[in-house]
């Protein structure tokens, strides 16, 4: 006859003790807040630089006896990118202040959810601005033969190069917010799962 202890070890219906998640150390919370603040400052700096490059880019060229000036305001997609960059820059600065205050007062689940929603909305806005400008920039640089649209960047290379730099800076801001969205999402999930 088997001992009761052996029978208990073989029972498939036994509950096994579950290890509780280890509490997050203060240093990891501090480094998380520092990373959040850094990424938000980077996003603000990238978008501000993109705005400066875009607004100062213009180039004139002669065509059939006329002087034509290329400027960002000639394209609705570039104007849209400028507006989205300005919004991303402003909200990045505001969110730096919010995260700094949150780090001093301690994190609350409600505020982490708000921060996650903020990061997702700003990331979506940055994506829309970058996508619109990229589509128009591609046509400006390479044209579209089937539609009969010619490339104009061979006439205004300096202008196109500056607009490319501005778009790259905007994409870097998008990457910052993508990383922030992942970090905020992980923080919300951790706080939701922790007892």
Protein backbone atom coordinates (compact mmCIF):
# COMPACT_ATOMS: atom_id res chain seq x y z
CA UNK A 1 0.00 0.00 0.00
CA UNK A 2 1.36 3.42 -1.02
CA UNK A 3 1.91 6.05 1.60
CA UNK A 4 -0.44 9.11 1.59
CA UNK A 5 2.48 11.40 0.64
CA UNK A 6 3.20 9.41 -2.53
CA UNK A 7 -0.46 9.54 -3.54
CA UNK A 8 -0.52 13.30 -3.06
CA UNK A 9 2.52 13.78 -5.29
CA UNK A 10 0.93 11.88 -8.17
CA UNK A 11 -2.47 13.59 -8.01
CA UNK A 12 -3.01 15.79 -11.09
CA UNK A 13 -5.56 17.95 -9.25
CA UNK A 14 -3.18 19.30 -6.64
CA UNK A 15 -2.79 23.04 -6.50
CA UNK A 16 0.77 24.16 -6.84
CA UNK A 17 1.89 27.30 -5.01
CA UNK A 18 2.22 30.20 -7.41
CA UNK A 19 5.07 32.60 -6.96
CA UNK A 20 3.98 36.19 -6.53
CA UNK A 21 5.51 38.80 -8.79
CA UNK A 22 8.47 40.47 -7.22
CA UNK A 23 7.93 44.09 -6.29
CA UNK A 24 9.52 46.61 -8.58
CA UNK A 25 12.53 48.21 -6.99
CA UNK A 26 12.71 51.95 -6.54
CA UNK A 27 15.76 52.19 -8.81
CA UNK A 28 13.96 50.47 -11.71
CA UNK A 29 11.00 52.85 -11.29
CA UNK A 30 13.38 55.80 -11.32
CA UNK A 31 15.15 54.54 -14.44
CA UNK A 32 11.78 53.97 -16.12
CA UNK A 33 10.73 57.54 -15.41
CA UNK A 34 14.10 58.84 -16.61
CA UNK A 35 13.73 56.88 -19.86
CA UNK A 36 10.20 58.24 -20.32
CA UNK A 37 11.36 61.82 -19.79
CA UNK A 38 14.35 61.35 -22.12
CA UNK A 39 12.23 59.92 -24.95
CA UNK A 40 9.70 62.74 -24.59
CA UNK A 41 12.47 65.35 -24.68
CA UNK A 42 13.91 63.63 -27.78
CA UNK A 43 10.49 63.70 -29.47
CA UNK A 44 10.08 67.40 -28.69
CA UNK A 45 13.61 68.16 -29.94
CA UNK A 46 13.16 66.12 -33.14
CA UNK A 47 9.85 67.76 -34.03
CA UNK A 48 11.15 71.25 -33.21
CA UNK A 49 14.18 70.64 -35.45
CA UNK A 50 11.89 69.28 -38.18
CA UNK A 51 9.73 72.42 -37.99
CA UNK A 52 12.80 74.69 -38.19
CA UNK A 53 14.23 72.82 -41.19
CA UNK A 54 10.87 72.78 -42.97
CA UNK A 55 9.99 76.45 -42.48
CA UNK A 56 13.42 77.64 -43.61
CA UNK A 57 13.50 75.50 -46.75
CA UNK A 58 12.73 77.23 -50.02
CA UNK A 59 14.33 77.40 -53.43
CA UNK A 60 13.63 79.32 -56.62
CA UNK A 61 14.24 78.12 -60.16
CA UNK A 62 13.53 79.56 -63.64
CA UNK A 63 10.99 77.83 -65.87
CA UNK A 64 9.89 79.16 -69.28
CA UNK A 65 10.90 82.70 -68.40
CA UNK A 66 9.17 82.62 -65.00
CA UNK A 67 10.73 82.26 -61.58
CA UNK A 68 9.07 79.54 -59.56
CA UNK A 69 9.65 79.27 -55.82
CA UNK A 70 9.30 75.95 -54.03
CA UNK A 71 8.14 76.26 -50.44
CA UNK A 72 6.61 73.83 -47.93
CA UNK A 73 3.35 75.82 -47.89
CA UNK A 74 2.74 74.86 -51.54
CA UNK A 75 1.87 71.31 -50.48
CA UNK A 76 -1.08 70.51 -48.22
CA UNK A 77 0.71 67.33 -47.06
CA UNK A 78 3.75 69.31 -45.94
CA UNK A 79 1.52 71.82 -44.14
CA UNK A 80 -0.20 68.89 -42.44
CA UNK A 81 3.18 67.49 -41.36
CA UNK A 82 4.12 70.90 -39.96
CA UNK A 83 0.91 71.06 -37.92
CA UNK A 84 1.30 67.49 -36.63
CA UNK A 85 4.93 68.17 -35.70
CA UNK A 86 3.85 71.30 -33.79
CA UNK A 87 1.17 69.33 -31.91
CA UNK A 88 3.57 66.47 -31.12
CA UNK A 89 6.18 68.97 -29.90
CA UNK A 90 3.71 70.82 -27.65
CA UNK A 91 2.23 67.66 -26.16
CA UNK A 92 5.70 66.19 -25.64
CA UNK A 93 6.68 69.18 -23.52
CA UNK A 94 3.42 68.97 -21.55
CA UNK A 95 3.84 65.23 -21.03
CA UNK A 96 7.40 65.75 -19.72
CA UNK A 97 5.93 67.96 -16.99
CA UNK A 98 3.20 65.39 -16.31
CA UNK A 99 5.64 62.47 -16.07
CA UNK A 100 7.97 64.47 -13.84
CA UNK A 101 5.08 65.26 -11.48
CA UNK A 102 3.94 61.62 -11.62
CA UNK A 103 7.43 60.42 -10.69
CA UNK A 104 7.48 62.70 -7.64
CA UNK A 105 4.02 61.78 -6.39
CA UNK A 106 4.13 58.05 -7.15
CA UNK A 107 2.40 56.24 -10.00
CA UNK A 108 -1.35 55.76 -9.97
CA UNK A 109 -3.10 53.29 -12.29
CA UNK A 110 -5.49 55.94 -13.59
CA UNK A 111 -2.66 58.29 -14.56
CA UNK A 112 -0.69 55.48 -16.23
CA UNK A 113 -3.75 54.70 -18.38
CA UNK A 114 -4.06 58.36 -19.35
CA UNK A 115 -0.38 58.44 -20.26
CA UNK A 116 -0.73 55.29 -22.36
CA UNK A 117 -3.72 56.76 -24.24
CA UNK A 118 -1.83 60.02 -24.74
CA UNK A 119 1.18 58.21 -26.20
CA UNK A 120 -0.99 56.13 -28.54
CA UNK A 121 -2.89 59.17 -29.85
CA UNK A 122 0.28 61.20 -30.39
CA UNK A 123 1.97 58.24 -32.10
CA UNK A 124 -1.02 57.90 -34.45
CA UNK A 125 -0.92 61.61 -35.21
CA UNK A 126 2.81 61.47 -35.95
CA UNK A 127 2.24 58.45 -38.21
CA UNK A 128 -0.43 60.25 -40.23
CA UNK A 129 1.72 63.35 -40.75
CA UNK A 130 4.79 61.35 -41.75
CA UNK A 131 2.80 59.11 -44.10
CA UNK A 132 1.15 61.99 -45.94
CA UNK A 133 4.45 63.85 -46.38
CA UNK A 134 6.26 60.69 -47.48
CA UNK A 135 3.71 59.99 -50.21
CA UNK A 136 3.98 63.51 -51.63
CA UNK A 137 7.75 63.55 -51.19
CA UNK A 138 8.09 60.29 -53.12
CA UNK A 139 6.12 61.72 -56.04
CA UNK A 140 8.16 64.92 -55.92
CA UNK A 141 11.42 63.00 -56.01
CA UNK A 142 10.58 60.18 -58.45
CA UNK A 143 7.36 61.24 -60.18
CA UNK A 144 4.60 58.91 -61.34
CA UNK A 145 4.87 58.01 -65.01
CA UNK A 146 1.49 56.32 -65.33
CA UNK A 147 -0.28 59.40 -63.97
CA UNK A 148 1.88 61.81 -65.95
CA UNK A 149 3.33 63.46 -62.84
CA UNK A 150 6.94 64.50 -63.35
CA UNK A 151 9.61 64.60 -60.68
CA UNK A 152 10.45 68.13 -59.56
CA UNK A 153 13.36 67.38 -57.25
CA UNK A 154 15.84 67.51 -60.12
CA UNK A 155 14.99 71.24 -60.37
CA UNK A 156 14.97 71.98 -56.61
CA UNK A 157 17.46 69.54 -55.09
CA UNK A 158 18.30 71.72 -52.08
CA UNK A 159 14.64 72.12 -51.18
CA UNK A 160 13.94 68.39 -51.55
CA UNK A 161 16.97 67.46 -49.45
CA UNK A 162 15.85 69.79 -46.66
CA UNK A 163 12.34 68.36 -46.76
CA UNK A 164 13.82 64.85 -46.56
CA UNK A 165 15.80 65.85 -43.47
CA UNK A 166 12.62 67.29 -41.93
CA UNK A 167 10.72 64.05 -42.61
CA UNK A 168 13.53 61.94 -41.14
CA UNK A 169 13.42 64.03 -37.96
CA UNK A 170 9.64 63.57 -37.83
CA UNK A 171 10.08 59.81 -38.19
CA UNK A 172 12.56 59.84 -35.31
CA UNK A 173 9.91 61.55 -33.17
CA UNK A 174 7.48 58.81 -34.24
CA UNK A 175 10.01 56.15 -33.16
CA UNK A 176 10.32 57.86 -29.77
CA UNK A 177 6.56 57.70 -29.31
CA UNK A 178 6.47 54.10 -30.47
CA UNK A 179 8.96 53.22 -27.71
CA UNK A 180 6.95 55.32 -25.24
CA UNK A 181 3.74 53.50 -26.18
CA UNK A 182 5.39 50.14 -25.55
CA UNK A 183 6.76 51.32 -22.20
CA UNK A 184 3.43 52.84 -21.12
CA UNK A 185 1.56 49.71 -22.22
CA UNK A 186 3.90 47.47 -20.22
CA UNK A 187 3.50 49.67 -17.16
CA UNK A 188 -0.30 49.54 -17.41
CA UNK A 189 -0.23 45.75 -17.87
CA UNK A 190 2.12 45.28 -14.92
CA UNK A 191 0.00 47.43 -12.63
CA UNK A 192 -3.16 45.68 -13.80
CA UNK A 193 -1.70 42.21 -13.12
CA UNK A 194 0.00 43.03 -9.83
CA UNK A 195 -2.13 42.35 -6.69
